[in-house]
Amino acid sequence: MSRVGKVERTTKESSVYVEVDLDGSGQVEIGTGVPFYDHMLTALGVHGSLDLVVRASGDVEIDAHHTVEDVAIVLGQALREALGDKAGIRRFGDAWIPMDETLAHAAVDVSGRPYCVHLGEPAEFTTFTIGGNYPFVLNRHVFDSLAFHAGIALHVRVEYGRDPHHIAEAQFKAIARALRAAVEPDPRVGGVPSTKGVL
């Protein structure tokens, strides 16, 4: 059975198309107009073993905020569509990712109950911008939007780190690996992995 989600969304601020295949091999085609975000989404696809297409245009001349957040919304919707009824998946996944001096952890429950907990980013980077147009504070918006629209519980924590590029990248890679584990087919699970019978 194909586990592919395709979602398109257009507003006055952005136009976004996302296609995701949960059973891919990390083939990505990313273009958002925000180069550092492209780098992060590429890491998400490659390390999550997701075949991922993201095409977006938006009012980046004003700020990257609208485009970045809208892509996260549509990516979450595409993930939710690709998951279908969630029968036969592991449901839970977590990963620790070191990146040089940084260590990040992510845990995922493909629960149908959206929730995001995001902790540990150093306060001194609150006003920092990476690559000229990616404000560091957008990480939280991405994770919140992704969790809400995918219908997953997502906990992301930075244990330590001093380079904002490494801190952001370790978080995206940790989410990728945790999500990969959570959506994998589990040969021991025949139906939906829930005592309620539905997720």
N, C-alpha and C. Protein backbone atom coordinates (compact mmCIF):
# COMPACT_ATOMS: atom_id res chain seq x y z
N MET A 1 0.84 -1.19 0.00
CA MET A 1 0.00 0.00 0.00
C MET A 1 0.88 1.25 0.00
N SER A 2 0.56 2.19 -0.86
CA SER A 2 1.33 3.42 -0.97
C SER A 2 1.05 4.33 0.23
N ARG A 3 2.11 4.86 0.82
CA ARG A 3 1.95 5.80 1.93
C ARG A 3 2.53 7.14 1.49
N VAL A 4 1.76 7.80 0.64
CA VAL A 4 2.17 9.06 0.04
C VAL A 4 1.15 10.14 0.38
N GLY A 5 1.62 11.30 0.75
CA GLY A 5 0.75 12.45 0.98
C GLY A 5 1.13 13.58 0.04
N LYS A 6 0.13 14.19 -0.58
CA LYS A 6 0.35 15.34 -1.47
C LYS A 6 -0.62 16.44 -1.08
N VAL A 7 -0.07 17.60 -0.73
CA VAL A 7 -0.92 18.71 -0.30
C VAL A 7 -0.42 20.00 -0.93
N GLU A 8 -1.37 20.80 -1.39
CA GLU A 8 -1.06 22.11 -1.95
C GLU A 8 -1.88 23.16 -1.20
N ARG A 9 -1.27 24.30 -0.91
CA ARG A 9 -1.95 25.35 -0.15
C ARG A 9 -1.47 26.71 -0.65
N THR A 10 -2.42 27.58 -0.96
CA THR A 10 -2.07 28.91 -1.43
C THR A 10 -2.81 29.95 -0.60
N THR A 11 -2.05 30.93 -0.12
CA THR A 11 -2.63 32.06 0.60
C THR A 11 -2.09 33.34 -0.04
N LYS A 12 -2.44 34.48 0.53
CA LYS A 12 -1.91 35.75 0.03
C LYS A 12 -0.44 35.92 0.39
N GLU A 13 0.07 35.06 1.28
CA GLU A 13 1.45 35.17 1.73
C GLU A 13 2.38 34.14 1.12
N SER A 14 1.83 32.99 0.69
CA SER A 14 2.70 31.95 0.16
C SER A 14 1.91 30.96 -0.70
N SER A 15 2.66 30.23 -1.51
CA SER A 15 2.12 29.12 -2.27
C SER A 15 3.03 27.92 -2.01
N VAL A 16 2.45 26.82 -1.52
CA VAL A 16 3.26 25.68 -1.07
C VAL A 16 2.71 24.38 -1.63
N TYR A 17 3.61 23.55 -2.14
CA TYR A 17 3.27 22.19 -2.54
C TYR A 17 4.23 21.24 -1.86
N VAL A 18 3.69 20.20 -1.21
CA VAL A 18 4.52 19.19 -0.55
C VAL A 18 4.04 17.81 -0.96
N GLU A 19 5.00 16.97 -1.27
CA GLU A 19 4.73 15.55 -1.52
C GLU A 19 5.70 14.74 -0.68
N VAL A 20 5.18 13.79 0.08
CA VAL A 20 6.03 12.98 0.95
C VAL A 20 5.67 11.51 0.81
N ASP A 21 6.69 10.68 0.71
CA ASP A 21 6.53 9.22 0.66
C ASP A 21 7.23 8.64 1.88
N LEU A 22 6.45 8.06 2.79
CA LEU A 22 7.01 7.53 4.03
C LEU A 22 7.93 6.34 3.80
N ASP A 23 7.77 5.68 2.67
CA ASP A 23 8.57 4.49 2.39
C ASP A 23 9.65 4.77 1.35
N GLY A 24 10.13 5.98 1.34
CA GLY A 24 11.15 6.39 0.40
C GLY A 24 12.55 6.02 0.84
N SER A 25 13.52 6.63 0.17
CA SER A 25 14.92 6.36 0.46
C SER A 25 15.72 7.64 0.67
N GLY A 26 15.01 8.73 0.95
CA GLY A 26 15.70 9.99 1.21
C GLY A 26 15.97 10.82 -0.03
N GLN A 27 15.21 10.60 -1.08
CA GLN A 27 15.34 11.43 -2.28
C GLN A 27 14.57 12.73 -2.07
N VAL A 28 15.24 13.86 -2.23
CA VAL A 28 14.60 15.15 -1.93
C VAL A 28 14.73 16.13 -3.08
N GLU A 29 13.71 16.98 -3.16
CA GLU A 29 13.70 18.11 -4.11
C GLU A 29 13.09 19.28 -3.35
N ILE A 30 13.94 20.16 -2.88
CA ILE A 30 13.50 21.21 -1.95
C ILE A 30 13.80 22.59 -2.52
N GLY A 31 12.81 23.47 -2.49
CA GLY A 31 13.02 24.86 -2.87
C GLY A 31 11.99 25.75 -2.21
N THR A 32 12.42 26.52 -1.23
CA THR A 32 11.50 27.38 -0.48
C THR A 32 11.81 28.87 -0.62
N GLY A 33 12.96 29.21 -1.19
CA GLY A 33 13.38 30.60 -1.21
C GLY A 33 14.11 31.02 0.05
N VAL A 34 14.25 30.07 1.01
CA VAL A 34 14.98 30.31 2.25
C VAL A 34 16.07 29.24 2.33
N PRO A 35 17.30 29.56 1.90
CA PRO A 35 18.33 28.54 1.73
C PRO A 35 18.63 27.68 2.97
N PHE A 36 18.70 28.30 4.14
CA PHE A 36 18.99 27.48 5.33
C PHE A 36 17.83 26.52 5.63
N TYR A 37 16.61 26.96 5.40
CA TYR A 37 15.45 26.09 5.60
C TYR A 37 15.49 24.93 4.60
N ASP A 38 15.90 25.21 3.37
CA ASP A 38 16.08 24.14 2.39
C ASP A 38 17.07 23.10 2.93
N HIS A 39 18.14 23.58 3.52
CA HIS A 39 19.16 22.70 4.11
C HIS A 39 18.56 21.83 5.22
N MET A 40 17.71 22.43 6.06
CA MET A 40 17.09 21.68 7.16
C MET A 40 16.08 20.66 6.64
N LEU A 41 15.28 21.05 5.65
CA LEU A 41 14.29 20.12 5.09
C LEU A 41 14.97 18.99 4.32
N THR A 42 16.10 19.30 3.71
CA THR A 42 16.88 18.24 3.06
C THR A 42 17.35 17.24 4.10
N ALA A 43 17.85 17.72 5.23
CA ALA A 43 18.27 16.83 6.31
C ALA A 43 17.10 16.00 6.82
N LEU A 44 15.93 16.62 6.93
CA LEU A 44 14.74 15.90 7.39
C LEU A 44 14.40 14.75 6.45
N GLY A 45 14.43 15.01 5.15
CA GLY A 45 14.11 13.98 4.18
C GLY A 45 15.15 12.88 4.14
N VAL A 46 16.41 13.27 4.05
CA VAL A 46 17.49 12.29 3.92
C VAL A 46 17.58 11.40 5.16
N HIS A 47 17.59 12.00 6.34
CA HIS A 47 17.79 11.22 7.56
C HIS A 47 16.50 10.55 8.04
N GLY A 48 15.35 11.01 7.53
CA GLY A 48 14.09 10.34 7.82
C GLY A 48 13.75 9.28 6.79
N SER A 49 14.63 9.12 5.78
CA SER A 49 14.36 8.21 4.65
C SER A 49 13.00 8.49 4.02
N LEU A 50 12.69 9.78 3.91
CA LEU A 50 11.47 10.22 3.27
C LEU A 50 11.80 10.70 1.87
N ASP A 51 11.05 10.28 0.87
CA ASP A 51 11.13 10.96 -0.42
C ASP A 51 10.27 12.21 -0.27
N LEU A 52 10.90 13.36 -0.45
CA LEU A 52 10.25 14.62 -0.07
C LEU A 52 10.41 15.66 -1.17
N VAL A 53 9.29 16.19 -1.62
CA VAL A 53 9.28 17.31 -2.56
C VAL A 53 8.64 18.50 -1.85
N VAL A 54 9.33 19.61 -1.84
CA VAL A 54 8.79 20.85 -1.28
C VAL A 54 9.06 21.97 -2.28
N ARG A 55 7.98 22.56 -2.77
CA ARG A 55 8.10 23.72 -3.65
C ARG A 55 7.29 24.86 -3.02
N ALA A 56 7.96 25.95 -2.76
CA ALA A 56 7.27 27.06 -2.10
C ALA A 56 7.76 28.39 -2.63
N SER A 57 6.84 29.33 -2.70
CA SER A 57 7.20 30.73 -2.97
C SER A 57 6.39 31.57 -2.01
N GLY A 58 7.00 32.64 -1.55
CA GLY A 58 6.30 33.48 -0.59
C GLY A 58 6.94 34.85 -0.48
N ASP A 59 6.43 35.63 0.45
CA ASP A 59 6.86 37.01 0.60
C ASP A 59 8.14 37.10 1.43
N VAL A 60 9.19 36.40 0.97
CA VAL A 60 10.44 36.38 1.72
C VAL A 60 11.14 37.73 1.72
N GLU A 61 10.71 38.63 0.82
CA GLU A 61 11.28 39.98 0.83
C GLU A 61 10.84 40.74 2.08
N ILE A 62 9.74 40.31 2.68
CA ILE A 62 9.29 40.90 3.94
C ILE A 62 9.99 40.21 5.11
N ASP A 63 9.92 38.88 5.10
CA ASP A 63 10.45 38.06 6.19
C ASP A 63 10.29 36.61 5.77
N ALA A 64 11.10 35.74 6.28
CA ALA A 64 10.97 34.31 5.96
C ALA A 64 9.84 33.65 6.73
N HIS A 65 9.32 34.34 7.74
CA HIS A 65 8.38 33.73 8.68
C HIS A 65 7.19 33.05 7.99
N HIS A 66 6.50 33.76 7.10
CA HIS A 66 5.29 33.20 6.49
C HIS A 66 5.60 31.94 5.69
N THR A 67 6.63 31.99 4.88
CA THR A 67 6.97 30.84 4.03
C THR A 67 7.40 29.65 4.87
N VAL A 68 8.25 29.89 5.85
CA VAL A 68 8.75 28.80 6.70
C VAL A 68 7.60 28.13 7.45
N GLU A 69 6.76 28.93 8.08
CA GLU A 69 5.65 28.37 8.85
C GLU A 69 4.65 27.66 7.94
N ASP A 70 4.34 28.26 6.79
CA ASP A 70 3.36 27.65 5.88
C ASP A 70 3.86 26.34 5.32
N VAL A 71 5.15 26.24 5.03
CA VAL A 71 5.71 24.95 4.59
C VAL A 71 5.57 23.90 5.68
N ALA A 72 5.82 24.28 6.93
CA ALA A 72 5.67 23.34 8.04
C ALA A 72 4.22 22.87 8.18
N ILE A 73 3.28 23.77 7.98
CA ILE A 73 1.85 23.42 8.03
C ILE A 73 1.53 22.39 6.97
N VAL A 74 1.94 22.66 5.73
CA VAL A 74 1.62 21.76 4.62
C VAL A 74 2.36 20.44 4.75
N LEU A 75 3.60 20.48 5.22
CA LEU A 75 4.34 19.24 5.46
C LEU A 75 3.63 18.37 6.49
N GLY A 76 3.14 18.99 7.56
CA GLY A 76 2.38 18.25 8.56
C GLY A 76 1.14 17.62 7.97
N GLN A 77 0.41 18.38 7.15
CA GLN A 77 -0.80 17.85 6.51
C GLN A 77 -0.47 16.69 5.58
N ALA A 78 0.63 16.80 4.85
CA ALA A 78 1.03 15.72 3.94
C ALA A 78 1.44 14.47 4.71
N LEU A 79 2.12 14.65 5.83
CA LEU A 79 2.48 13.50 6.67
C LEU A 79 1.23 12.81 7.20
N ARG A 80 0.28 13.61 7.65
CA ARG A 80 -0.96 13.04 8.17
C ARG A 80 -1.70 12.24 7.09
N GLU A 81 -1.75 12.79 5.87
CA GLU A 81 -2.39 12.09 4.77
C GLU A 81 -1.66 10.79 4.44
N ALA A 82 -0.33 10.84 4.43
CA ALA A 82 0.46 9.66 4.09
C ALA A 82 0.30 8.55 5.13
N LEU A 83 0.08 8.91 6.37
CA LEU A 83 -0.04 7.92 7.44
C LEU A 83 -1.34 7.12 7.36
N GLY A 84 -2.35 7.67 6.73
CA GLY A 84 -3.62 6.95 6.60
C GLY A 84 -4.19 6.57 7.96
N ASP A 85 -4.59 5.29 8.10
CA ASP A 85 -5.17 4.86 9.38
C ASP A 85 -4.11 4.43 10.39
N LYS A 86 -2.84 4.46 10.00
CA LYS A 86 -1.69 4.17 10.88
C LYS A 86 -1.60 2.71 11.29
N ALA A 87 -2.31 1.84 10.59
CA ALA A 87 -2.25 0.41 10.92
C ALA A 87 -0.85 -0.13 10.65
N GLY A 88 -0.36 -0.92 11.58
CA GLY A 88 0.89 -1.65 11.39
C GLY A 88 2.16 -0.86 11.61
N ILE A 89 2.06 0.37 12.14
CA ILE A 89 3.28 1.15 12.38
C ILE A 89 3.77 0.96 13.81
N ARG A 90 5.01 1.37 14.03
CA ARG A 90 5.58 1.29 15.39
C ARG A 90 4.95 2.32 16.33
N ARG A 91 4.55 3.45 15.80
CA ARG A 91 3.88 4.55 16.49
C ARG A 91 4.85 5.44 17.28
N PHE A 92 5.74 4.88 18.05
CA PHE A 92 6.67 5.67 18.86
C PHE A 92 8.07 5.63 18.25
N GLY A 93 8.79 6.71 18.39
CA GLY A 93 10.18 6.74 17.95
C GLY A 93 10.93 7.84 18.67
N ASP A 94 12.23 7.63 18.87
CA ASP A 94 13.04 8.70 19.45
C ASP A 94 14.46 8.58 18.94
N ALA A 95 15.21 9.66 19.04
CA ALA A 95 16.57 9.67 18.54
C ALA A 95 17.40 10.73 19.25
N TRP A 96 18.65 10.37 19.54
CA TRP A 96 19.65 11.31 20.02
C TRP A 96 20.58 11.61 18.86
N ILE A 97 20.80 12.88 18.58
CA ILE A 97 21.69 13.26 17.48
C ILE A 97 22.77 14.22 17.99
N PRO A 98 24.02 13.79 17.92
CA PRO A 98 25.12 14.72 18.19
C PRO A 98 25.54 15.42 16.90
N MET A 99 25.90 16.67 17.00
CA MET A 99 26.50 17.38 15.88
C MET A 99 27.62 18.24 16.43
N ASP A 100 28.82 17.73 16.33
CA ASP A 100 29.99 18.37 16.94
C ASP A 100 29.72 18.64 18.42
N GLU A 101 29.66 19.94 18.80
CA GLU A 101 29.51 20.27 20.22
C GLU A 101 28.07 20.20 20.72
N THR A 102 27.13 19.93 19.82
CA THR A 102 25.70 19.98 20.15
C THR A 102 25.13 18.58 20.31
N LEU A 103 24.18 18.43 21.22
CA LEU A 103 23.43 17.18 21.37
C LEU A 103 21.95 17.51 21.47
N ALA A 104 21.15 16.87 20.62
CA ALA A 104 19.70 17.11 20.61
C ALA A 104 18.97 15.77 20.67
N HIS A 105 17.77 15.80 21.24
CA HIS A 105 16.93 14.61 21.36
C HIS A 105 15.52 14.93 20.87
N ALA A 106 14.92 13.98 20.17
CA ALA A 106 13.52 14.12 19.76
C ALA A 106 12.79 12.82 20.02
N ALA A 107 11.54 12.95 20.46
CA ALA A 107 10.66 11.79 20.67
C ALA A 107 9.33 12.08 19.99
N VAL A 108 8.79 11.06 19.33
CA VAL A 108 7.56 11.21 18.55
C VAL A 108 6.56 10.13 18.94
N ASP A 109 5.31 10.52 19.07
CA ASP A 109 4.20 9.59 19.20
C ASP A 109 3.19 9.96 18.11
N VAL A 110 3.01 9.03 17.17
CA VAL A 110 2.05 9.27 16.08
C VAL A 110 0.66 8.95 16.63
N SER A 111 0.19 9.83 17.48
CA SER A 111 -0.95 9.56 18.35
C SER A 111 -2.28 10.05 17.82
N GLY A 112 -2.24 10.99 16.86
CA GLY A 112 -3.47 11.68 16.47
C GLY A 112 -3.80 12.83 17.40
N ARG A 113 -3.02 12.98 18.47
CA ARG A 113 -3.20 14.08 19.43
C ARG A 113 -2.02 15.03 19.30
N PRO A 114 -2.20 16.16 18.66
CA PRO A 114 -1.07 17.06 18.42
C PRO A 114 -0.60 17.74 19.70
N TYR A 115 0.70 17.71 19.90
CA TYR A 115 1.30 18.40 21.04
C TYR A 115 2.77 18.60 20.74
N CYS A 116 3.31 19.73 21.15
CA CYS A 116 4.73 19.99 20.95
C CYS A 116 5.34 20.55 22.21
N VAL A 117 6.44 19.96 22.62
CA VAL A 117 7.26 20.47 23.72
C VAL A 117 8.64 20.73 23.13
N HIS A 118 9.12 21.94 23.31
CA HIS A 118 10.41 22.34 22.72
C HIS A 118 11.22 23.05 23.79
N LEU A 119 12.36 22.46 24.14
CA LEU A 119 13.15 22.97 25.26
C LEU A 119 14.63 23.05 24.92
N GLY A 120 15.31 23.96 25.60
CA GLY A 120 16.77 23.91 25.63
C GLY A 120 17.53 24.77 24.65
N GLU A 121 16.85 25.44 23.71
CA GLU A 121 17.61 26.30 22.82
C GLU A 121 18.19 27.48 23.63
N PRO A 122 19.48 27.76 23.47
CA PRO A 122 20.11 28.83 24.25
C PRO A 122 19.43 30.19 24.01
N ALA A 123 19.10 30.87 25.09
CA ALA A 123 18.38 32.14 25.01
C ALA A 123 19.15 33.20 24.24
N GLU A 124 20.46 33.11 24.23
CA GLU A 124 21.24 34.15 23.57
C GLU A 124 21.09 34.16 22.04
N PHE A 125 20.48 33.10 21.50
CA PHE A 125 20.29 33.05 20.05
C PHE A 125 18.88 33.47 19.63
N THR A 126 18.10 34.00 20.55
CA THR A 126 16.72 34.38 20.27
C THR A 126 16.62 35.36 19.10
N THR A 127 17.57 36.26 18.98
CA THR A 127 17.54 37.25 17.91
C THR A 127 18.50 36.92 16.77
N PHE A 128 19.07 35.74 16.78
CA PHE A 128 20.09 35.36 15.79
C PHE A 128 19.43 34.93 14.48
N THR A 129 20.03 35.30 13.36
CA THR A 129 19.56 34.89 12.04
C THR A 129 20.64 34.06 11.36
N ILE A 130 20.24 32.92 10.80
CA ILE A 130 21.18 32.03 10.12
C ILE A 130 21.04 32.23 8.61
N GLY A 131 22.17 32.34 7.93
CA GLY A 131 22.16 32.41 6.48
C GLY A 131 21.51 33.65 5.91
N GLY A 132 21.38 34.68 6.71
CA GLY A 132 20.85 35.94 6.20
C GLY A 132 19.35 36.12 6.31
N ASN A 133 18.56 35.01 6.28
CA ASN A 133 17.10 35.22 6.32
C ASN A 133 16.34 34.12 7.06
N TYR A 134 17.03 33.34 7.90
CA TYR A 134 16.32 32.34 8.70
C TYR A 134 16.50 32.68 10.18
N PRO A 135 15.54 33.38 10.80
CA PRO A 135 15.63 33.68 12.22
C PRO A 135 15.60 32.39 13.05
N PHE A 136 16.51 32.28 13.97
CA PHE A 136 16.65 31.08 14.79
C PHE A 136 15.36 30.73 15.51
N VAL A 137 14.59 31.73 15.90
CA VAL A 137 13.35 31.50 16.64
C VAL A 137 12.30 30.77 15.81
N LEU A 138 12.49 30.69 14.49
CA LEU A 138 11.52 29.98 13.66
C LEU A 138 11.53 28.47 13.90
N ASN A 139 12.60 27.96 14.49
CA ASN A 139 12.62 26.52 14.78
C ASN A 139 11.36 26.10 15.53
N ARG A 140 11.03 26.85 16.56
CA ARG A 140 9.85 26.48 17.36
C ARG A 140 8.57 26.55 16.54
N HIS A 141 8.44 27.55 15.69
CA HIS A 141 7.25 27.65 14.83
C HIS A 141 7.14 26.43 13.92
N VAL A 142 8.27 26.01 13.38
CA VAL A 142 8.28 24.83 12.51
C VAL A 142 7.81 23.61 13.27
N PHE A 143 8.37 23.38 14.44
CA PHE A 143 8.05 22.17 15.19
C PHE A 143 6.60 22.18 15.68
N ASP A 144 6.13 23.34 16.15
CA ASP A 144 4.73 23.47 16.57
C ASP A 144 3.78 23.19 15.42
N SER A 145 4.04 23.81 14.28
CA SER A 145 3.15 23.66 13.12
C SER A 145 3.17 22.24 12.58
N LEU A 146 4.34 21.66 12.52
CA LEU A 146 4.47 20.28 12.05
C LEU A 146 3.69 19.32 12.93
N ALA A 147 3.86 19.45 14.25
CA ALA A 147 3.18 18.55 15.19
C ALA A 147 1.67 18.71 15.10
N PHE A 148 1.20 19.95 15.09
CA PHE A 148 -0.25 20.20 15.09
C PHE A 148 -0.90 19.64 13.83
N HIS A 149 -0.31 19.91 12.68
CA HIS A 149 -0.96 19.53 11.42
C HIS A 149 -0.72 18.07 11.05
N ALA A 150 0.32 17.46 11.59
CA ALA A 150 0.53 16.02 11.37
C ALA A 150 -0.28 15.19 12.37
N GLY A 151 -0.69 15.81 13.47
CA GLY A 151 -1.41 15.07 14.50
C GLY A 151 -0.49 14.17 15.29
N ILE A 152 0.69 14.70 15.63
CA ILE A 152 1.66 13.90 16.40
C ILE A 152 2.04 14.64 17.68
N ALA A 153 2.47 13.88 18.66
CA ALA A 153 3.11 14.48 19.83
C ALA A 153 4.60 14.50 19.55
N LEU A 154 5.18 15.68 19.65
CA LEU A 154 6.60 15.87 19.33
C LEU A 154 7.29 16.58 20.47
N HIS A 155 8.30 15.93 21.01
CA HIS A 155 9.12 16.54 22.07
C HIS A 155 10.54 16.69 21.53
N VAL A 156 11.05 17.92 21.56
CA VAL A 156 12.40 18.19 21.06
C VAL A 156 13.16 18.94 22.15
N ARG A 157 14.37 18.46 22.40
CA ARG A 157 15.15 19.07 23.49
C ARG A 157 16.61 19.21 23.05
N VAL A 158 17.16 20.39 23.26
CA VAL A 158 18.59 20.61 23.07
C VAL A 158 19.26 20.42 24.41
N GLU A 159 20.14 19.46 24.49
CA GLU A 159 20.87 19.22 25.75
C GLU A 159 21.95 20.28 25.95
N TYR A 160 22.69 20.56 24.88
CA TYR A 160 23.71 21.60 24.93
C TYR A 160 24.18 21.90 23.52
N GLY A 161 24.85 23.04 23.35
CA GLY A 161 25.36 23.45 22.06
C GLY A 161 25.72 24.91 22.07
N ARG A 162 26.61 25.31 21.17
CA ARG A 162 27.03 26.72 21.14
C ARG A 162 26.98 27.32 19.75
N ASP A 163 26.79 26.50 18.72
CA ASP A 163 26.72 26.99 17.35
C ASP A 163 25.27 26.89 16.88
N PRO A 164 24.61 28.02 16.55
CA PRO A 164 23.19 27.97 16.20
C PRO A 164 22.90 27.09 14.98
N HIS A 165 23.82 27.05 14.02
CA HIS A 165 23.64 26.16 12.86
C HIS A 165 23.59 24.71 13.32
N HIS A 166 24.53 24.32 14.16
CA HIS A 166 24.57 22.95 14.66
C HIS A 166 23.35 22.63 15.52
N ILE A 167 22.92 23.58 16.32
CA ILE A 167 21.77 23.36 17.19
C ILE A 167 20.51 23.12 16.37
N ALA A 168 20.28 23.97 15.37
CA ALA A 168 19.11 23.78 14.52
C ALA A 168 19.20 22.46 13.77
N GLU A 169 20.34 22.18 13.18
CA GLU A 169 20.48 20.97 12.36
C GLU A 169 20.35 19.70 13.18
N ALA A 170 20.91 19.68 14.38
CA ALA A 170 20.78 18.50 15.24
C ALA A 170 19.31 18.23 15.57
N GLN A 171 18.54 19.29 15.79
CA GLN A 171 17.12 19.13 16.10
C GLN A 171 16.35 18.55 14.91
N PHE A 172 16.59 19.09 13.72
CA PHE A 172 15.91 18.57 12.53
C PHE A 172 16.28 17.12 12.26
N LYS A 173 17.54 16.79 12.44
CA LYS A 173 17.98 15.41 12.22
C LYS A 173 17.40 14.47 13.27
N ALA A 174 17.29 14.94 14.50
CA ALA A 174 16.70 14.12 15.56
C ALA A 174 15.23 13.85 15.26
N ILE A 175 14.51 14.88 14.82
CA ILE A 175 13.10 14.69 14.43
C ILE A 175 13.00 13.71 13.28
N ALA A 176 13.89 13.84 12.31
CA ALA A 176 13.88 12.94 11.15
C ALA A 176 14.02 11.49 11.58
N ARG A 177 14.99 11.22 12.43
CA ARG A 177 15.24 9.84 12.86
C ARG A 177 14.12 9.30 13.75
N ALA A 178 13.59 10.17 14.61
CA ALA A 178 12.50 9.73 15.49
C ALA A 178 11.25 9.44 14.66
N LEU A 179 10.96 10.31 13.70
CA LEU A 179 9.79 10.12 12.84
C LEU A 179 9.95 8.86 11.99
N ARG A 180 11.16 8.66 11.47
CA ARG A 180 11.43 7.45 10.68
C ARG A 180 11.11 6.19 11.48
N ALA A 181 11.56 6.16 12.74
CA ALA A 181 11.30 5.00 13.59
C ALA A 181 9.81 4.84 13.88
N ALA A 182 9.12 5.96 14.12
CA ALA A 182 7.71 5.90 14.51
C ALA A 182 6.80 5.42 13.38
N VAL A 183 7.12 5.79 12.14
CA VAL A 183 6.22 5.43 11.02
C VAL A 183 6.61 4.12 10.34
N GLU A 184 7.71 3.51 10.79
CA GLU A 184 8.12 2.24 10.18
C GLU A 184 7.08 1.16 10.42
N PRO A 185 6.87 0.30 9.43
CA PRO A 185 6.01 -0.87 9.66
C PRO A 185 6.61 -1.78 10.73
N ASP A 186 5.76 -2.26 11.61
CA ASP A 186 6.17 -3.19 12.66
C ASP A 186 5.54 -4.54 12.33
N PRO A 187 6.36 -5.55 11.99
CA PRO A 187 5.81 -6.85 11.59
C PRO A 187 5.02 -7.54 12.69
N ARG A 188 5.15 -7.08 13.92
CA ARG A 188 4.43 -7.70 15.04
C ARG A 188 3.08 -7.04 15.30
N VAL A 189 2.81 -5.95 14.57
CA VAL A 189 1.55 -5.23 14.77
C VAL A 189 0.67 -5.42 13.53
N GLY A 190 -0.48 -6.03 13.72
CA GLY A 190 -1.37 -6.28 12.60
C GLY A 190 -2.34 -5.15 12.34
N GLY A 191 -2.73 -4.46 13.39
CA GLY A 191 -3.72 -3.38 13.24
C GLY A 191 -3.16 -2.06 13.71
N VAL A 192 -4.03 -1.23 14.26
CA VAL A 192 -3.61 0.08 14.76
C VAL A 192 -3.02 -0.10 16.15
N PRO A 193 -1.81 0.42 16.39
CA PRO A 193 -1.16 0.24 17.68
C PRO A 193 -1.72 1.13 18.79
N SER A 194 -2.94 0.80 19.21
CA SER A 194 -3.61 1.57 20.25
C SER A 194 -4.60 0.69 20.98
N THR A 195 -4.71 0.85 22.27
CA THR A 195 -5.72 0.10 23.03
C THR A 195 -7.13 0.55 22.68
N LYS A 196 -7.24 1.76 22.08
CA LYS A 196 -8.55 2.25 21.65
C LYS A 196 -8.96 1.71 20.28
N GLY A 197 -7.96 1.20 19.55
CA GLY A 197 -8.23 0.69 18.22
C GLY A 197 -8.21 1.73 17.13
N VAL A 198 -7.87 2.96 17.48
CA VAL A 198 -7.82 4.04 16.50
C VAL A 198 -6.80 5.08 16.96
N LEU A 199 -6.12 5.67 16.00
CA LEU A 199 -5.17 6.76 16.31
C LEU A 199 -5.56 7.98 15.48
